[in-house]
Amino acid sequence: MTTFDDRERAFEAKFARDEDMAFRVTARRNRLVGQWAAAKMNLTPEETDAYAKAVVQADFEEAGDEDVIRKLLGDLTAAGIETDEAQVRRALEEQSVEARRQLMGEV
């Protein structure tokens, strides 16, 4: 029976690692897309850092990416930047790839 127990523990450990990596990729992606939006809004380096952190925090409002998209669209529109949801979603996709690349480089 220990073989099955060992196997179950291995699957649980892999699941935990995968979930941790997914969380880290999403957080890094949100930070990167926050920096992308801050650059479009011509924010200072200090404002950019604060804004990127605010985007990461916005992701905790609800499950999925809609809360982040809503924040980015609202802030970019309020700053007078012409954008649409498709452009923000495209930026999320691009930054997701970059976030994964960065995190894989750290491992």
N, C-alpha and C. Protein backbone atom coordinates (compact mmCIF):
# COMPACT_ATOMS: atom_id res chain seq x y z
N MET A 1 0.81 -1.20 0.00
CA MET A 1 0.00 0.00 0.00
C MET A 1 0.85 1.26 0.00
N THR A 2 2.10 1.17 0.40
CA THR A 2 2.94 2.37 0.45
C THR A 2 3.22 2.92 -0.95
N THR A 3 3.23 2.08 -1.96
CA THR A 3 3.46 2.56 -3.31
C THR A 3 2.33 3.53 -3.71
N PHE A 4 1.11 3.16 -3.39
CA PHE A 4 -0.02 4.04 -3.71
C PHE A 4 0.03 5.32 -2.89
N ASP A 5 0.42 5.20 -1.63
CA ASP A 5 0.55 6.39 -0.78
C ASP A 5 1.62 7.32 -1.30
N ASP A 6 2.76 6.74 -1.70
CA ASP A 6 3.85 7.55 -2.27
C ASP A 6 3.40 8.25 -3.54
N ARG A 7 2.68 7.51 -4.35
CA ARG A 7 2.19 8.06 -5.61
C ARG A 7 1.20 9.20 -5.35
N GLU A 8 0.32 9.01 -4.39
CA GLU A 8 -0.65 10.05 -4.05
C GLU A 8 0.05 11.31 -3.53
N ARG A 9 1.05 11.14 -2.68
CA ARG A 9 1.81 12.28 -2.17
C ARG A 9 2.54 13.01 -3.29
N ALA A 10 3.06 12.24 -4.24
CA ALA A 10 3.77 12.85 -5.37
C ALA A 10 2.81 13.68 -6.22
N PHE A 11 1.61 13.15 -6.47
CA PHE A 11 0.61 13.89 -7.24
C PHE A 11 0.19 15.16 -6.50
N GLU A 12 0.01 15.06 -5.19
CA GLU A 12 -0.37 16.23 -4.39
C GLU A 12 0.72 17.28 -4.41
N ALA A 13 1.97 16.85 -4.32
CA ALA A 13 3.09 17.79 -4.34
C ALA A 13 3.19 18.48 -5.70
N LYS A 14 2.99 17.71 -6.78
CA LYS A 14 3.03 18.30 -8.12
C LYS A 14 1.90 19.31 -8.30
N PHE A 15 0.71 18.96 -7.83
CA PHE A 15 -0.43 19.87 -7.92
C PHE A 15 -0.13 21.17 -7.18
N ALA A 16 0.44 21.07 -5.99
CA ALA A 16 0.77 22.26 -5.20
C ALA A 16 1.80 23.12 -5.92
N ARG A 17 2.81 22.50 -6.50
CA ARG A 17 3.83 23.25 -7.26
C ARG A 17 3.22 23.93 -8.47
N ASP A 18 2.36 23.21 -9.19
CA ASP A 18 1.72 23.78 -10.37
C ASP A 18 0.83 24.97 -10.01
N GLU A 19 0.08 24.85 -8.92
CA GLU A 19 -0.79 25.94 -8.48
C GLU A 19 0.04 27.15 -8.06
N ASP A 20 1.14 26.91 -7.36
CA ASP A 20 2.02 27.99 -6.93
C ASP A 20 2.60 28.71 -8.16
N MET A 21 3.03 27.94 -9.14
CA MET A 21 3.60 28.53 -10.36
C MET A 21 2.54 29.34 -11.11
N ALA A 22 1.33 28.82 -11.20
CA ALA A 22 0.25 29.55 -11.89
C ALA A 22 -0.03 30.87 -11.18
N PHE A 23 -0.05 30.87 -9.85
CA PHE A 23 -0.27 32.09 -9.10
C PHE A 23 0.85 33.09 -9.35
N ARG A 24 2.10 32.62 -9.34
CA ARG A 24 3.24 33.50 -9.55
C ARG A 24 3.25 34.07 -10.97
N VAL A 25 2.89 33.26 -11.96
CA VAL A 25 2.83 33.74 -13.34
C VAL A 25 1.76 34.83 -13.48
N THR A 26 0.60 34.60 -12.88
CA THR A 26 -0.49 35.59 -12.96
C THR A 26 -0.09 36.90 -12.28
N ALA A 27 0.52 36.80 -11.10
CA ALA A 27 0.94 38.01 -10.39
C ALA A 27 2.01 38.76 -11.19
N ARG A 28 2.97 38.04 -11.76
CA ARG A 28 4.01 38.68 -12.56
C ARG A 28 3.41 39.30 -13.81
N ARG A 29 2.48 38.58 -14.45
CA ARG A 29 1.81 39.11 -15.64
C ARG A 29 1.08 40.41 -15.32
N ASN A 30 0.37 40.42 -14.20
CA ASN A 30 -0.37 41.62 -13.82
C ASN A 30 0.57 42.79 -13.55
N ARG A 31 1.70 42.51 -12.94
CA ARG A 31 2.68 43.57 -12.70
C ARG A 31 3.21 44.11 -14.04
N LEU A 32 3.54 43.21 -14.95
CA LEU A 32 4.06 43.62 -16.26
C LEU A 32 3.02 44.41 -17.06
N VAL A 33 1.76 43.97 -17.03
CA VAL A 33 0.73 44.69 -17.78
C VAL A 33 0.45 46.04 -17.10
N GLY A 34 0.63 46.11 -15.78
CA GLY A 34 0.52 47.39 -15.09
C GLY A 34 1.62 48.35 -15.54
N GLN A 35 2.81 47.82 -15.73
CA GLN A 35 3.92 48.64 -16.23
C GLN A 35 3.66 49.08 -17.67
N TRP A 36 3.08 48.19 -18.46
CA TRP A 36 2.73 48.52 -19.85
C TRP A 36 1.73 49.68 -19.88
N ALA A 37 0.68 49.58 -19.05
CA ALA A 37 -0.33 50.64 -19.01
C ALA A 37 0.26 51.94 -18.46
N ALA A 38 1.11 51.84 -17.46
CA ALA A 38 1.74 53.03 -16.87
C ALA A 38 2.59 53.75 -17.91
N ALA A 39 3.28 52.99 -18.76
CA ALA A 39 4.08 53.61 -19.82
C ALA A 39 3.18 54.36 -20.79
N LYS A 40 2.03 53.80 -21.11
CA LYS A 40 1.08 54.48 -22.01
C LYS A 40 0.56 55.77 -21.38
N MET A 41 0.45 55.78 -20.04
CA MET A 41 -0.07 56.96 -19.34
C MET A 41 1.05 57.93 -18.94
N ASN A 42 2.29 57.62 -19.35
CA ASN A 42 3.45 58.47 -19.05
C ASN A 42 3.63 58.73 -17.55
N LEU A 43 3.51 57.68 -16.75
CA LEU A 43 3.69 57.82 -15.31
C LEU A 43 5.18 57.85 -14.96
N THR A 44 5.51 58.47 -13.83
CA THR A 44 6.89 58.50 -13.35
C THR A 44 7.25 57.10 -12.87
N PRO A 45 8.54 56.83 -12.67
CA PRO A 45 8.94 55.50 -12.16
C PRO A 45 8.26 55.14 -10.82
N GLU A 46 8.13 56.11 -9.94
CA GLU A 46 7.47 55.85 -8.65
C GLU A 46 5.99 55.55 -8.86
N GLU A 47 5.35 56.33 -9.72
CA GLU A 47 3.93 56.11 -10.02
C GLU A 47 3.73 54.77 -10.73
N THR A 48 4.68 54.42 -11.59
CA THR A 48 4.61 53.16 -12.31
C THR A 48 4.65 51.99 -11.34
N ASP A 49 5.56 52.05 -10.38
CA ASP A 49 5.67 50.98 -9.39
C ASP A 49 4.38 50.86 -8.58
N ALA A 50 3.86 51.97 -8.13
CA ALA A 50 2.61 51.96 -7.35
C ALA A 50 1.44 51.46 -8.21
N TYR A 51 1.40 51.87 -9.46
CA TYR A 51 0.31 51.45 -10.33
C TYR A 51 0.38 49.95 -10.61
N ALA A 52 1.58 49.43 -10.86
CA ALA A 52 1.74 48.00 -11.11
C ALA A 52 1.27 47.19 -9.90
N LYS A 53 1.58 47.67 -8.70
CA LYS A 53 1.12 46.99 -7.48
C LYS A 53 -0.40 47.05 -7.38
N ALA A 54 -1.00 48.17 -7.77
CA ALA A 54 -2.45 48.32 -7.73
C ALA A 54 -3.13 47.35 -8.70
N VAL A 55 -2.51 47.11 -9.85
CA VAL A 55 -3.06 46.17 -10.82
C VAL A 55 -3.00 44.75 -10.24
N VAL A 56 -1.90 44.41 -9.59
CA VAL A 56 -1.79 43.10 -8.96
C VAL A 56 -2.88 42.95 -7.90
N GLN A 57 -3.10 43.98 -7.09
CA GLN A 57 -4.14 43.94 -6.06
C GLN A 57 -5.54 43.83 -6.66
N ALA A 58 -5.75 44.46 -7.80
CA ALA A 58 -7.07 44.43 -8.44
C ALA A 58 -7.49 43.02 -8.80
N ASP A 59 -6.52 42.14 -9.03
CA ASP A 59 -6.83 40.77 -9.43
C ASP A 59 -7.48 39.98 -8.30
N PHE A 60 -7.38 40.46 -7.08
CA PHE A 60 -7.95 39.74 -5.94
C PHE A 60 -9.43 40.07 -5.71
N GLU A 61 -10.00 40.96 -6.52
CA GLU A 61 -11.39 41.36 -6.34
C GLU A 61 -12.36 40.24 -6.72
N GLU A 62 -12.07 39.52 -7.79
CA GLU A 62 -12.93 38.43 -8.24
C GLU A 62 -12.11 37.43 -9.03
N ALA A 63 -12.65 36.26 -9.22
CA ALA A 63 -11.94 35.23 -9.99
C ALA A 63 -11.87 35.63 -11.46
N GLY A 64 -10.81 35.23 -12.11
CA GLY A 64 -10.64 35.53 -13.53
C GLY A 64 -9.95 36.85 -13.77
N ASP A 65 -9.89 37.23 -15.03
CA ASP A 65 -9.15 38.43 -15.43
C ASP A 65 -10.03 39.66 -15.60
N GLU A 66 -11.33 39.52 -15.46
CA GLU A 66 -12.25 40.64 -15.74
C GLU A 66 -11.98 41.84 -14.84
N ASP A 67 -11.61 41.60 -13.58
CA ASP A 67 -11.34 42.72 -12.68
C ASP A 67 -10.12 43.51 -13.12
N VAL A 68 -9.10 42.81 -13.60
CA VAL A 68 -7.88 43.48 -14.08
C VAL A 68 -8.19 44.24 -15.37
N ILE A 69 -8.92 43.61 -16.28
CA ILE A 69 -9.27 44.26 -17.54
C ILE A 69 -10.09 45.52 -17.28
N ARG A 70 -11.05 45.41 -16.38
CA ARG A 70 -11.89 46.56 -16.03
C ARG A 70 -11.04 47.71 -15.48
N LYS A 71 -10.10 47.40 -14.59
CA LYS A 71 -9.24 48.43 -14.01
C LYS A 71 -8.39 49.09 -15.09
N LEU A 72 -7.75 48.27 -15.91
CA LEU A 72 -6.87 48.82 -16.96
C LEU A 72 -7.65 49.68 -17.94
N LEU A 73 -8.79 49.17 -18.41
CA LEU A 73 -9.60 49.94 -19.35
C LEU A 73 -10.06 51.26 -18.74
N GLY A 74 -10.53 51.20 -17.51
CA GLY A 74 -11.00 52.41 -16.85
C GLY A 74 -9.90 53.44 -16.66
N ASP A 75 -8.73 52.98 -16.22
CA ASP A 75 -7.62 53.90 -15.96
C ASP A 75 -7.06 54.48 -17.26
N LEU A 76 -6.92 53.64 -18.29
CA LEU A 76 -6.40 54.13 -19.57
C LEU A 76 -7.39 55.13 -20.19
N THR A 77 -8.66 54.83 -20.14
CA THR A 77 -9.67 55.73 -20.69
C THR A 77 -9.68 57.05 -19.92
N ALA A 78 -9.61 56.97 -18.58
CA ALA A 78 -9.60 58.18 -17.75
C ALA A 78 -8.37 59.04 -18.04
N ALA A 79 -7.28 58.41 -18.44
CA ALA A 79 -6.06 59.15 -18.76
C ALA A 79 -6.07 59.69 -20.19
N GLY A 80 -7.15 59.42 -20.92
CA GLY A 80 -7.25 59.93 -22.28
C GLY A 80 -6.53 59.07 -23.31
N ILE A 81 -6.20 57.86 -22.95
CA ILE A 81 -5.53 56.94 -23.87
C ILE A 81 -6.61 56.17 -24.63
N GLU A 82 -6.54 56.22 -25.94
CA GLU A 82 -7.52 55.52 -26.76
C GLU A 82 -7.15 54.04 -26.79
N THR A 83 -8.03 53.22 -26.25
CA THR A 83 -7.79 51.77 -26.19
C THR A 83 -9.12 51.05 -26.17
N ASP A 84 -9.07 49.75 -26.35
CA ASP A 84 -10.28 48.95 -26.27
C ASP A 84 -9.96 47.64 -25.54
N GLU A 85 -10.99 46.89 -25.27
CA GLU A 85 -10.83 45.64 -24.51
C GLU A 85 -9.92 44.66 -25.23
N ALA A 86 -10.02 44.59 -26.54
CA ALA A 86 -9.19 43.66 -27.31
C ALA A 86 -7.70 43.98 -27.14
N GLN A 87 -7.36 45.26 -27.13
CA GLN A 87 -5.96 45.65 -26.96
C GLN A 87 -5.46 45.28 -25.56
N VAL A 88 -6.30 45.46 -24.56
CA VAL A 88 -5.91 45.11 -23.19
C VAL A 88 -5.76 43.60 -23.06
N ARG A 89 -6.67 42.85 -23.64
CA ARG A 89 -6.57 41.38 -23.60
C ARG A 89 -5.32 40.90 -24.32
N ARG A 90 -4.98 41.54 -25.42
CA ARG A 90 -3.77 41.19 -26.17
C ARG A 90 -2.53 41.46 -25.32
N ALA A 91 -2.54 42.58 -24.61
CA ALA A 91 -1.42 42.91 -23.71
C ALA A 91 -1.31 41.87 -22.59
N LEU A 92 -2.45 41.44 -22.06
CA LEU A 92 -2.43 40.40 -21.03
C LEU A 92 -1.82 39.11 -21.56
N GLU A 93 -2.19 38.72 -22.76
CA GLU A 93 -1.62 37.51 -23.38
C GLU A 93 -0.11 37.64 -23.56
N GLU A 94 0.32 38.77 -24.10
CA GLU A 94 1.75 38.98 -24.34
C GLU A 94 2.53 38.98 -23.03
N GLN A 95 2.00 39.65 -22.02
CA GLN A 95 2.69 39.73 -20.74
C GLN A 95 2.65 38.40 -20.00
N SER A 96 1.66 37.58 -20.27
CA SER A 96 1.59 36.25 -19.67
C SER A 96 2.74 35.39 -20.18
N VAL A 97 3.00 35.48 -21.47
CA VAL A 97 4.12 34.75 -22.07
C VAL A 97 5.44 35.25 -21.46
N GLU A 98 5.57 36.56 -21.35
CA GLU A 98 6.79 37.14 -20.78
C GLU A 98 6.96 36.75 -19.31
N ALA A 99 5.88 36.76 -18.56
CA ALA A 99 5.95 36.40 -17.14
C ALA A 99 6.40 34.95 -16.99
N ARG A 100 5.84 34.06 -17.79
CA ARG A 100 6.23 32.65 -17.74
C ARG A 100 7.71 32.49 -18.10
N ARG A 101 8.15 33.22 -19.13
CA ARG A 101 9.54 33.15 -19.55
C ARG A 101 10.46 33.62 -18.42
N GLN A 102 10.10 34.73 -17.79
CA GLN A 102 10.91 35.26 -16.69
C GLN A 102 10.99 34.28 -15.52
N LEU A 103 9.85 33.71 -15.16
CA LEU A 103 9.83 32.79 -14.02
C LEU A 103 10.56 31.48 -14.32
N MET A 104 10.47 31.02 -15.54
CA MET A 104 11.19 29.79 -15.90
C MET A 104 12.71 30.04 -15.88
N GLY A 105 13.10 31.27 -16.19
CA GLY A 105 14.51 31.63 -16.14
C GLY A 105 15.05 31.69 -14.72
N GLU A 106 14.17 31.93 -13.75
CA GLU A 106 14.58 32.00 -12.35
C GLU A 106 14.76 30.62 -11.73
N VAL A 107 14.10 29.62 -12.29
CA VAL A 107 14.12 28.27 -11.70
C VAL A 107 15.40 27.57 -11.94
